[in-house]
N, C-alpha and C. Protein backbone atom coordinates (compact mmCIF):
# COMPACT_ATOMS: atom_id res chain seq x y z
N MET A 1 -13.46 12.16 -3.48
CA MET A 1 -13.73 11.82 -2.18
C MET A 1 -12.40 11.92 -1.72
N PRO A 2 -11.95 13.09 -1.09
CA PRO A 2 -12.90 14.18 -0.66
C PRO A 2 -12.49 15.22 -1.92
N SER A 3 -12.89 16.59 -1.60
CA SER A 3 -13.17 17.01 -2.69
C SER A 3 -11.91 17.72 -3.09
N ALA A 4 -11.92 18.73 -4.46
CA ALA A 4 -10.33 19.16 -4.67
C ALA A 4 -10.06 19.91 -3.58
N ASP A 5 -11.06 20.93 -3.33
CA ASP A 5 -10.88 21.91 -2.32
C ASP A 5 -10.12 21.83 -1.13
N ILE A 6 -10.75 20.37 -0.59
CA ILE A 6 -10.15 19.79 0.58
C ILE A 6 -8.59 19.11 0.22
N LEU A 7 -8.36 18.60 -0.63
CA LEU A 7 -6.85 18.08 -1.13
C LEU A 7 -6.12 19.27 -1.30
N LYS A 8 -7.22 20.15 -1.84
CA LYS A 8 -5.24 21.78 -1.88
C LYS A 8 -5.55 22.53 -0.54
N LEU A 9 -6.35 21.72 0.55
CA LEU A 9 -6.11 22.53 2.00
C LEU A 9 -5.30 21.87 2.48
N TYR A 10 -5.20 20.64 2.34
CA TYR A 10 -4.29 19.30 2.45
C TYR A 10 -3.21 19.80 2.52
N ARG A 11 -2.71 19.94 1.10
CA ARG A 11 -1.31 20.38 0.26
C ARG A 11 -0.89 21.51 0.97
N ASP A 12 -1.93 22.75 1.04
CA ASP A 12 -1.61 24.39 1.34
C ASP A 12 -0.72 23.60 3.18
N LEU A 13 -1.53 22.66 3.49
CA LEU A 13 -0.96 22.79 4.97
C LEU A 13 0.31 21.58 4.95
N GLY A 14 0.94 21.26 4.15
CA GLY A 14 1.85 20.25 4.30
C GLY A 14 1.56 19.12 3.92
N GLY A 15 0.10 18.44 3.69
CA GLY A 15 -0.10 17.40 3.42
C GLY A 15 1.02 16.86 2.10
N LYS A 16 1.48 15.54 2.67
CA LYS A 16 1.78 14.71 1.52
C LYS A 16 1.64 13.28 1.03
N ILE A 17 0.92 12.50 2.05
CA ILE A 17 0.49 11.54 1.94
C ILE A 17 -0.48 11.27 1.58
N LEU A 18 -0.49 10.51 0.25
CA LEU A 18 -1.96 10.19 -0.44
C LEU A 18 -2.54 8.95 -1.01
N THR A 19 -3.34 8.52 -0.74
CA THR A 19 -3.18 6.86 -0.88
C THR A 19 -4.73 7.21 -2.50
N ILE A 20 -4.84 6.13 -3.10
CA ILE A 20 -6.05 6.35 -4.36
C ILE A 20 -6.54 4.60 -4.17
N GLY A 21 -7.39 4.84 -4.13
CA GLY A 21 -8.52 3.68 -4.02
C GLY A 21 -10.08 3.90 -4.83
N SER A 22 -10.39 2.24 -5.00
CA SER A 22 -11.44 2.44 -6.03
C SER A 22 -12.67 1.21 -4.84
N ASP A 23 -13.38 2.18 -4.90
CA ASP A 23 -14.87 1.41 -3.98
C ASP A 23 -15.47 0.22 -5.25
N SER A 24 -15.04 -0.48 -5.45
CA SER A 24 -15.65 -1.31 -6.74
C SER A 24 -16.43 -2.63 -5.85
N HIS A 25 -17.71 -2.96 -6.54
CA HIS A 25 -18.93 -3.23 -5.52
C HIS A 25 -18.83 -4.58 -7.26
N ARG A 26 -18.13 -4.43 -8.15
CA ARG A 26 -18.58 -5.46 -9.16
C ARG A 26 -16.83 -5.91 -9.98
N PRO A 27 -16.18 -6.65 -10.53
CA PRO A 27 -14.80 -6.77 -11.46
C PRO A 27 -15.07 -5.96 -11.73
N GLU A 28 -15.52 -5.41 -12.75
CA GLU A 28 -15.65 -4.07 -13.97
C GLU A 28 -15.55 -2.82 -13.58
N GLN A 29 -15.63 -2.80 -12.64
CA GLN A 29 -15.35 -1.56 -11.50
C GLN A 29 -14.07 -1.00 -10.57
N LEU A 30 -13.45 -2.21 -10.84
CA LEU A 30 -11.92 -2.44 -10.09
C LEU A 30 -11.22 -1.13 -10.95
N GLY A 31 -10.54 -0.45 -10.00
CA GLY A 31 -9.93 0.69 -10.62
C GLY A 31 -10.36 1.94 -11.42
N ALA A 32 -11.84 1.65 -11.04
CA ALA A 32 -12.43 2.86 -11.86
C ALA A 32 -11.64 4.40 -11.32
N TYR A 33 -11.76 4.80 -12.49
CA TYR A 33 -11.32 6.47 -11.97
C TYR A 33 -9.93 6.59 -11.47
N ILE A 34 -8.87 5.95 -11.42
CA ILE A 34 -7.64 5.91 -10.73
C ILE A 34 -7.20 6.95 -11.52
N GLU A 35 -6.81 6.53 -12.53
CA GLU A 35 -6.00 7.69 -13.70
C GLU A 35 -6.63 9.04 -13.93
N GLU A 36 -7.87 9.07 -13.70
CA GLU A 36 -8.63 10.15 -13.64
C GLU A 36 -8.10 11.26 -12.24
N THR A 37 -8.29 10.45 -11.02
CA THR A 37 -7.73 11.03 -9.71
C THR A 37 -6.16 10.91 -9.32
N LYS A 38 -5.14 10.60 -10.80
CA LYS A 38 -4.38 10.62 -10.66
C LYS A 38 -3.60 12.37 -11.32
N GLU A 39 -4.26 12.33 -12.35
CA GLU A 39 -4.67 13.97 -12.98
C GLU A 39 -5.23 14.60 -12.16
N LEU A 40 -5.95 14.73 -11.55
CA LEU A 40 -6.46 15.71 -10.66
C LEU A 40 -5.52 15.73 -9.39
N LEU A 41 -4.95 15.00 -9.04
CA LEU A 41 -3.85 15.11 -8.10
C LEU A 41 -2.67 16.30 -8.58
N LYS A 42 -2.51 15.81 -9.74
CA LYS A 42 -0.96 16.65 -10.35
C LYS A 42 -1.89 17.74 -10.41
N ASP A 43 -2.42 18.47 -11.22
CA ASP A 43 -3.43 19.32 -11.31
C ASP A 43 -3.61 20.46 -10.02
N ILE A 44 -3.55 19.51 -9.50
CA ILE A 44 -3.44 20.17 -7.81
C ILE A 44 -2.42 20.61 -7.22
N GLY A 45 -1.33 20.03 -7.71
CA GLY A 45 -0.07 20.44 -7.11
C GLY A 45 0.72 19.11 -6.56
N PHE A 46 0.28 17.91 -6.29
CA PHE A 46 1.02 17.12 -5.81
C PHE A 46 1.98 16.40 -6.55
N GLN A 47 3.14 15.60 -5.84
CA GLN A 47 3.82 14.83 -7.03
C GLN A 47 3.94 13.36 -7.19
N TYR A 48 3.31 12.92 -5.85
CA TYR A 48 3.32 11.40 -5.55
C TYR A 48 2.04 11.38 -5.22
N PHE A 49 2.06 9.51 -5.12
CA PHE A 49 1.01 9.04 -4.34
C PHE A 49 1.69 7.90 -3.68
N CYS A 50 0.55 7.41 -2.53
CA CYS A 50 1.49 6.39 -1.51
C CYS A 50 0.79 5.06 -1.94
N THR A 51 1.54 4.00 -1.99
CA THR A 51 1.28 2.37 -1.45
C THR A 51 1.63 2.36 0.00
N TYR A 52 1.51 1.12 0.64
CA TYR A 52 2.11 0.68 1.74
C TYR A 52 2.34 -0.39 1.56
N GLU A 53 3.97 -0.31 2.49
CA GLU A 53 4.71 -1.80 2.15
C GLU A 53 5.16 -1.75 3.35
N ASN A 54 4.51 -3.07 4.20
CA ASN A 54 5.02 -3.08 5.97
C ASN A 54 4.59 -1.90 6.94
N MET A 55 3.71 -1.38 6.59
CA MET A 55 3.13 -0.50 7.10
C MET A 55 3.92 0.79 7.03
N LYS A 56 5.06 0.94 6.03
CA LYS A 56 5.83 2.21 5.98
C LYS A 56 5.05 2.92 4.54
N PRO A 57 4.72 3.91 4.36
CA PRO A 57 4.44 4.33 3.24
C PRO A 57 5.70 4.44 2.00
N ALA A 58 5.17 3.92 0.37
CA ALA A 58 6.20 3.80 -0.45
C ALA A 58 5.72 4.69 -1.44
N PHE A 59 6.24 5.64 -1.98
CA PHE A 59 6.13 7.59 -2.99
C PHE A 59 6.51 6.91 -4.18
N HIS A 60 5.32 6.79 -5.03
CA HIS A 60 5.11 6.93 -6.55
C HIS A 60 4.81 7.67 -7.07
N ARG A 61 5.85 8.54 -8.34
CA ARG A 61 5.51 9.52 -8.77
C ARG A 61 4.17 9.69 -9.54
N LEU A 62 3.55 10.53 -9.48
CA LEU A 62 2.20 10.56 -10.47
C LEU A 62 2.60 11.36 -12.08
């Protein structure tokens, strides 16, 4: 979520700030699909994902 098509459109329009999260309902689900998501983002052409520190984006290489 969102789909690869939406992510490609976002990139094509100049989007650069992405965060990655997991909607865990049980402890064993924590971080599910994070690595797969990073690979998808790289395949689409993104080079970084972000976390936030003091309300400012911190970029991390994929």
